[in-house]
Amino acid sequence: MKIKDFLTVADYTKEDIKEVFDCAAKIKARQKSGNPYTPFKGKSLGMIFQKSSTRTRVSFEIGMNQLGGYPMFLGANDTQLKRGETIADTARVLSRMLDAIMLRTYDHKDVEELAKYSAIPVINGLTDMHHPCQIMADMFTILEHKKKLEGLTIAWVGDGNNVLHSWIEGAPLTGLNLKMAFPKGYEPDKKILARGKEIAKKENTEMITTNDPIEAVKNADIIYTDVWTSMGQDAEKEERLKAFEGFQINSELLKHTAKDVIVMHCLPAHRGEEITDEVVDGQHSVVWDQAENRMHVQKAILVLHILRGQKLDI
């Protein structure tokens, strides 16, 4: 790994993604064998949360601990950012004391500014525009279950949100075909979609948009969904529930997919809205594997960025 920061999936090359997956597989295998990989003695990770989380906090905190390092949780009220200290000054100070920073926040420009002034790696734990660690873990999960990525088709059914933005960047780099279904008015960012289609054309993969969920999932190998109302959009909930009628992942929709389809959800799930209990708890669901793999893949990302340039003995 040559780059310092991981802010979007587009920061990675195809080779970088493969390196992360190879590293994650080795680290996960050692953890499962009872012989954990612990290269981080004396190293620390600052975790700044301006948005609350279950999976992001637990996966980074426990992951850093399993690597032998020290994770420090910094909530929205635990730093001087809320009292007016600049992101640049925060980056300069933390760079003197930590080995890496993970930021989970709202505005993507904030993580970009933090990385600009930080001398240590900055990892994006989520912004309103991107969720790169999630998609890296998701692609790793597909690889575990399907034994390959190239040539498979993933169908996104839902909102054009930050998770989809990261899928648009990641799918073509790994040879995945991406079919997206969303209601009119809930499309992904136009610039991100345009760049994604350019990459897909270059990589000879499909990237298709539609307003018809059935069209999107036809013969798909993977179906993916997310909540219809994300954090900070609560005032839009009733409007969104109406707009997304017909976009639920249920047993009827699965009839149009490949027989061995796997169903994915980044969680938390609003059961009965974007996905039914029958599906999320059913035989096709791999959502719990996704959740666990956040930890293993993020451990690989931390190792490759913090120890970049060093020879790894995993």
Protein backbone atom coordinates (compact mmCIF):
# COMPACT_ATOMS: atom_id res chain seq x y z
CA MET A 1 0.00 0.00 0.00
CA LYS A 2 1.51 3.29 -1.11
CA ILE A 3 -1.23 5.82 -0.30
CA LYS A 4 -1.52 7.33 3.19
CA ASP A 5 -5.29 7.75 3.51
CA PHE A 6 -8.43 5.79 2.64
CA LEU A 7 -11.29 8.22 2.04
CA THR A 8 -13.17 6.63 -0.88
CA VAL A 9 -13.06 3.30 -2.68
CA ALA A 10 -11.81 5.25 -5.71
CA ASP A 11 -8.58 5.93 -3.78
CA TYR A 12 -7.67 2.28 -4.36
CA THR A 13 -6.45 0.60 -7.52
CA LYS A 14 -7.50 -2.93 -8.42
CA GLU A 15 -4.18 -4.10 -7.00
CA ASP A 16 -4.79 -2.25 -3.73
CA ILE A 17 -8.19 -3.89 -3.32
CA LYS A 18 -6.69 -7.33 -3.90
CA GLU A 19 -3.96 -6.57 -1.36
CA VAL A 20 -6.57 -5.63 1.24
CA PHE A 21 -8.56 -8.82 0.58
CA ASP A 22 -5.47 -11.04 0.78
CA CYS A 23 -4.38 -9.37 4.00
CA ALA A 24 -7.88 -9.60 5.51
CA ALA A 25 -8.14 -13.31 4.71
CA LYS A 26 -4.83 -14.02 6.45
CA ILE A 27 -5.64 -11.88 9.49
CA LYS A 28 -9.11 -13.45 9.81
CA ALA A 29 -7.70 -16.97 9.54
CA ARG A 30 -5.14 -16.28 12.26
CA GLN A 31 -7.79 -14.76 14.53
CA LYS A 32 -10.06 -17.78 14.04
CA SER A 33 -7.18 -20.18 14.72
CA GLY A 34 -6.49 -18.62 18.11
CA ASN A 35 -3.16 -17.21 16.98
CA PRO A 36 -4.03 -13.53 16.39
CA TYR A 37 -1.83 -11.19 14.39
CA THR A 38 -0.63 -8.47 16.76
CA PRO A 39 1.76 -6.02 15.01
CA PHE A 40 0.45 -2.89 16.74
CA LYS A 41 2.14 -2.98 20.15
CA GLY A 42 2.53 0.65 21.26
CA LYS A 43 0.37 1.97 18.40
CA SER A 44 -2.90 3.87 18.77
CA LEU A 45 -5.97 4.75 16.73
CA GLY A 46 -8.04 7.85 17.39
CA MET A 47 -11.71 7.24 16.52
CA ILE A 48 -13.66 10.48 16.07
CA PHE A 49 -17.42 9.95 15.98
CA GLN A 50 -19.57 12.91 15.01
CA LYS A 51 -22.21 10.36 13.94
CA SER A 52 -23.20 7.54 16.27
CA SER A 53 -22.70 3.92 15.24
CA THR A 54 -22.86 0.31 16.40
CA ARG A 55 -20.86 -1.64 13.81
CA THR A 56 -18.29 1.04 13.01
CA ARG A 57 -17.34 1.63 16.61
CA VAL A 58 -17.26 -2.01 17.68
CA SER A 59 -15.43 -3.24 14.56
CA PHE A 60 -12.71 -0.58 14.73
CA GLU A 61 -12.33 -0.67 18.51
CA ILE A 62 -12.18 -4.45 18.88
CA GLY A 63 -10.19 -4.81 15.67
CA MET A 64 -7.50 -2.39 16.85
CA ASN A 65 -7.40 -4.19 20.21
CA GLN A 66 -7.01 -7.58 18.53
CA LEU A 67 -4.09 -6.20 16.52
CA GLY A 68 -2.39 -5.35 19.81
CA GLY A 69 -2.99 -1.58 19.62
CA TYR A 70 -4.93 0.97 21.62
CA PRO A 71 -8.22 2.40 20.28
CA MET A 72 -9.34 5.78 21.68
CA PHE A 73 -13.00 6.73 21.27
CA LEU A 74 -13.64 10.44 20.77
CA GLY A 75 -17.33 11.28 20.70
CA ALA A 76 -18.95 14.43 19.37
CA ASN A 77 -18.47 16.15 22.76
CA ASP A 78 -14.99 14.80 23.49
CA THR A 79 -12.92 17.11 21.28
CA GLN A 80 -12.58 20.85 20.82
CA LEU A 81 -14.01 20.64 17.29
CA LYS A 82 -17.45 21.45 18.65
CA ARG A 83 -16.05 24.53 20.39
CA GLY A 84 -14.43 25.99 17.31
CA GLU A 85 -11.01 24.38 16.95
CA THR A 86 -10.31 23.89 13.27
CA ILE A 87 -10.08 20.50 11.64
CA ALA A 88 -6.58 21.43 10.45
CA ASP A 89 -5.36 22.18 13.97
CA THR A 90 -6.98 18.99 15.27
CA ALA A 91 -5.16 17.02 12.58
CA ARG A 92 -1.81 18.61 13.43
CA VAL A 93 -2.18 17.85 17.15
CA LEU A 94 -3.42 14.28 16.78
CA SER A 95 -0.64 13.53 14.30
CA ARG A 96 1.86 14.10 17.13
CA MET A 97 0.18 11.57 19.44
CA LEU A 98 -1.55 8.87 17.38
CA ASP A 99 -0.66 6.46 14.58
CA ALA A 100 -3.93 6.78 12.64
CA ILE A 101 -7.30 8.52 12.77
CA MET A 102 -10.72 7.16 11.85
CA LEU A 103 -13.44 9.77 11.32
CA ARG A 104 -17.19 9.13 11.05
CA THR A 105 -18.92 12.38 10.19
CA TYR A 106 -21.42 14.22 8.00
CA ASP A 107 -19.69 16.41 5.40
CA HIS A 108 -17.19 14.54 3.23
CA LYS A 109 -15.10 17.71 2.98
CA ASP A 110 -14.31 17.33 6.69
CA VAL A 111 -12.52 14.00 6.24
CA GLU A 112 -10.70 15.41 3.21
CA GLU A 113 -9.48 18.38 5.25
CA LEU A 114 -8.46 16.15 8.14
CA ALA A 115 -6.40 14.01 5.76
CA LYS A 116 -4.84 17.07 4.12
CA TYR A 117 -3.34 18.35 7.38
CA SER A 118 -2.70 15.00 9.06
CA ALA A 119 0.76 13.44 8.96
CA ILE A 120 -0.73 10.05 9.85
CA PRO A 121 -3.24 7.88 7.95
CA VAL A 122 -6.89 8.98 7.97
CA ILE A 123 -9.60 6.37 7.40
CA ASN A 124 -13.14 7.31 6.43
CA GLY A 125 -15.57 5.52 8.76
CA LEU A 126 -18.52 7.09 6.92
CA THR A 127 -19.59 10.44 5.50
CA ASP A 128 -22.84 11.52 3.89
CA MET A 129 -21.27 10.87 0.47
CA HIS A 130 -19.18 7.70 0.96
CA HIS A 131 -18.95 4.53 3.07
CA PRO A 132 -15.79 2.87 1.71
CA CYS A 133 -15.01 0.49 4.58
CA GLN A 134 -18.50 -0.99 4.29
CA ILE A 135 -18.14 -1.76 0.60
CA MET A 136 -14.66 -3.24 1.05
CA ALA A 137 -16.10 -5.61 3.67
CA ASP A 138 -19.07 -6.37 1.41
CA MET A 139 -16.91 -7.27 -1.57
CA PHE A 140 -14.76 -9.46 0.67
CA THR A 141 -17.94 -11.21 1.88
CA ILE A 142 -19.08 -11.85 -1.69
CA LEU A 143 -15.64 -13.27 -2.48
CA GLU A 144 -15.91 -15.64 0.49
CA HIS A 145 -19.33 -16.91 -0.58
CA LYS A 146 -19.01 -16.87 -4.38
CA LYS A 147 -15.24 -17.52 -4.64
CA LYS A 148 -14.98 -14.74 -7.23
CA LEU A 149 -16.20 -11.25 -8.05
CA GLU A 150 -15.53 -10.85 -11.76
CA GLY A 151 -18.57 -11.47 -13.93
CA LEU A 152 -21.12 -11.51 -11.10
CA THR A 153 -24.08 -9.12 -11.05
CA ILE A 154 -25.09 -7.17 -7.97
CA ALA A 155 -28.50 -5.49 -7.87
CA TRP A 156 -28.98 -2.45 -5.65
CA VAL A 157 -32.60 -1.77 -4.67
CA GLY A 158 -33.12 1.41 -2.66
CA ASP A 159 -31.93 4.96 -2.14
CA GLY A 160 -29.09 6.63 -4.04
CA ASN A 161 -27.10 7.16 -0.85
CA ASN A 162 -23.51 7.04 0.41
CA VAL A 163 -23.38 3.23 0.38
CA LEU A 164 -24.45 3.14 -3.26
CA HIS A 165 -21.86 5.82 -4.09
CA SER A 166 -19.14 3.54 -2.78
CA TRP A 167 -20.60 0.59 -4.71
CA ILE A 168 -20.53 2.67 -7.90
CA GLU A 169 -16.80 3.19 -7.33
CA GLY A 170 -15.96 -0.33 -6.19
CA ALA A 171 -18.00 -2.65 -8.40
CA PRO A 172 -16.30 -1.99 -11.75
CA LEU A 173 -12.82 -2.14 -10.20
CA THR A 174 -13.48 -5.73 -9.15
CA GLY A 175 -15.29 -6.87 -12.30
CA LEU A 176 -18.78 -6.76 -10.79
CA ASN A 177 -21.75 -5.72 -12.91
CA LEU A 178 -23.93 -3.21 -11.04
CA LYS A 179 -27.65 -2.76 -11.67
CA MET A 180 -29.35 -0.05 -9.61
CA ALA A 181 -33.06 0.48 -8.99
CA PHE A 182 -34.33 3.57 -7.18
CA PRO A 183 -37.47 5.72 -7.34
CA LYS A 184 -37.43 8.87 -9.44
CA GLY A 185 -35.96 11.70 -7.41
CA TYR A 186 -33.75 9.42 -5.30
CA GLU A 187 -30.87 8.94 -7.72
CA PRO A 188 -27.19 8.81 -6.68
CA ASP A 189 -24.91 11.81 -7.16
CA LYS A 190 -24.62 12.59 -10.87
CA LYS A 191 -20.86 13.17 -10.86
CA ILE A 192 -20.13 9.95 -8.96
CA LEU A 193 -22.42 7.99 -11.29
CA ALA A 194 -20.80 9.49 -14.39
CA ARG A 195 -17.30 8.59 -13.14
CA GLY A 196 -18.50 5.11 -12.25
CA LYS A 197 -19.89 4.54 -15.72
CA GLU A 198 -16.59 5.67 -17.23
CA ILE A 199 -14.71 3.13 -15.11
CA ALA A 200 -17.25 0.42 -15.94
CA LYS A 201 -16.80 1.08 -19.66
CA LYS A 202 -13.02 0.91 -19.27
CA GLU A 203 -13.24 -2.32 -17.25
CA ASN A 204 -15.85 -3.83 -19.60
CA THR A 205 -18.50 -4.23 -16.90
CA GLU A 206 -22.16 -3.24 -16.87
CA MET A 207 -23.54 -0.32 -14.86
CA ILE A 208 -27.28 0.09 -15.37
CA THR A 209 -29.87 2.33 -13.70
CA THR A 210 -33.62 1.77 -13.63
CA ASN A 211 -36.75 2.66 -11.68
CA ASP A 212 -37.96 -0.95 -11.82
CA PRO A 213 -36.76 -3.27 -8.99
CA ILE A 214 -37.74 -6.40 -10.92
CA GLU A 215 -35.65 -5.34 -13.90
CA ALA A 216 -32.67 -4.72 -11.61
CA VAL A 217 -32.78 -8.05 -9.78
CA LYS A 218 -33.47 -10.27 -12.81
CA ASN A 219 -30.93 -13.12 -12.66
CA ALA A 220 -28.80 -11.14 -10.15
CA ASP A 221 -26.23 -13.04 -8.10
CA ILE A 222 -26.38 -10.56 -5.22
CA ILE A 223 -29.16 -8.28 -4.00
CA TYR A 224 -28.26 -5.34 -1.79
CA THR A 225 -30.42 -2.86 0.08
CA ASP A 226 -30.16 -0.22 2.79
CA VAL A 227 -32.59 1.81 4.88
CA TRP A 228 -34.86 4.15 2.95
CA THR A 229 -34.49 6.89 5.55
CA SER A 230 -30.90 7.52 6.61
CA MET A 231 -29.65 9.34 9.70
CA GLY A 232 -30.62 13.01 9.51
CA GLN A 233 -33.55 12.37 7.12
CA ASP A 234 -36.20 11.59 9.76
CA ALA A 235 -38.39 14.51 8.69
CA GLU A 236 -38.68 12.88 5.25
CA LYS A 237 -39.71 9.44 6.54
CA GLU A 238 -43.39 9.44 5.53
CA GLU A 239 -42.59 10.89 2.12
CA ARG A 240 -39.88 8.28 1.59
CA LEU A 241 -42.06 5.37 2.68
CA LYS A 242 -44.54 6.35 -0.02
CA ALA A 243 -41.86 6.88 -2.68
CA PHE A 244 -40.22 3.50 -2.03
CA GLU A 245 -43.40 1.40 -2.23
CA GLY A 246 -42.57 -1.66 -4.33
CA PHE A 247 -38.84 -1.51 -3.53
CA GLN A 248 -38.95 -3.92 -0.60
CA ILE A 249 -36.67 -6.98 -0.67
CA ASN A 250 -39.10 -9.82 -0.05
CA SER A 251 -39.65 -13.43 -1.09
CA GLU A 252 -41.65 -12.35 -4.15
CA LEU A 253 -38.77 -10.22 -5.47
CA LEU A 254 -36.29 -13.07 -4.89
CA LYS A 255 -38.21 -15.20 -7.42
CA HIS A 256 -36.64 -13.09 -10.19
CA THR A 257 -33.02 -13.58 -9.10
CA ALA A 258 -30.47 -16.33 -9.61
CA LYS A 259 -31.35 -19.41 -7.56
CA ASP A 260 -28.19 -19.13 -5.46
CA VAL A 261 -28.58 -15.37 -4.88
CA ILE A 262 -27.16 -13.89 -1.70
CA VAL A 263 -28.90 -11.01 0.06
CA MET A 264 -26.92 -8.20 1.67
CA HIS A 265 -27.76 -5.27 3.93
CA CYS A 266 -25.23 -2.97 5.59
CA LEU A 267 -27.45 -2.64 8.72
CA PRO A 268 -29.16 -1.40 10.78
CA ALA A 269 -32.23 -2.83 9.04
CA HIS A 270 -35.70 -1.35 9.32
CA ARG A 271 -37.46 -4.70 9.19
CA GLY A 272 -40.76 -4.58 7.40
CA GLU A 273 -39.71 -1.55 5.35
CA GLU A 274 -36.80 -2.14 2.92
CA ILE A 275 -36.51 -5.85 3.80
CA THR A 276 -38.72 -8.49 5.38
CA ASP A 277 -37.90 -10.71 8.36
CA GLU A 278 -38.32 -13.74 6.10
CA VAL A 279 -35.48 -12.57 3.84
CA VAL A 280 -33.06 -11.00 6.32
CA ASP A 281 -33.25 -14.16 8.46
CA GLY A 282 -33.54 -16.53 5.51
CA GLN A 283 -31.22 -18.96 3.76
CA HIS A 284 -30.00 -16.41 1.20
CA SER A 285 -28.99 -13.79 3.76
CA VAL A 286 -25.30 -13.10 4.48
CA VAL A 287 -25.86 -9.91 6.48
CA TRP A 288 -24.24 -11.26 9.65
CA ASP A 289 -21.13 -12.28 7.71
CA GLN A 290 -21.02 -8.74 6.33
CA ALA A 291 -21.18 -7.28 9.81
CA GLU A 292 -18.36 -9.49 11.11
CA ASN A 293 -16.20 -8.85 8.08
CA ARG A 294 -16.23 -5.12 8.76
CA MET A 295 -13.80 -5.92 11.58
CA HIS A 296 -11.50 -8.21 9.60
CA VAL A 297 -11.29 -5.99 6.51
CA GLN A 298 -10.79 -2.82 8.55
CA LYS A 299 -7.97 -4.55 10.41
CA ALA A 300 -6.31 -5.18 7.05
CA ILE A 301 -6.84 -1.56 6.01
CA LEU A 302 -5.29 -0.32 9.26
CA VAL A 303 -2.32 -2.68 8.93
CA LEU A 304 -1.63 -1.74 5.32
CA HIS A 305 -1.89 1.99 5.93
CA ILE A 306 -0.16 2.27 9.30
CA LEU A 307 2.64 -0.15 8.33
CA ARG A 308 2.79 0.89 4.67
CA GLY A 309 6.20 0.31 3.16
CA GLN A 310 7.09 -2.31 5.77
CA LYS A 311 7.35 -6.03 5.12
CA LEU A 312 4.41 -7.83 6.72
CA ASP A 313 4.76 -11.27 8.29
CA ILE A 314 1.18 -12.51 8.62
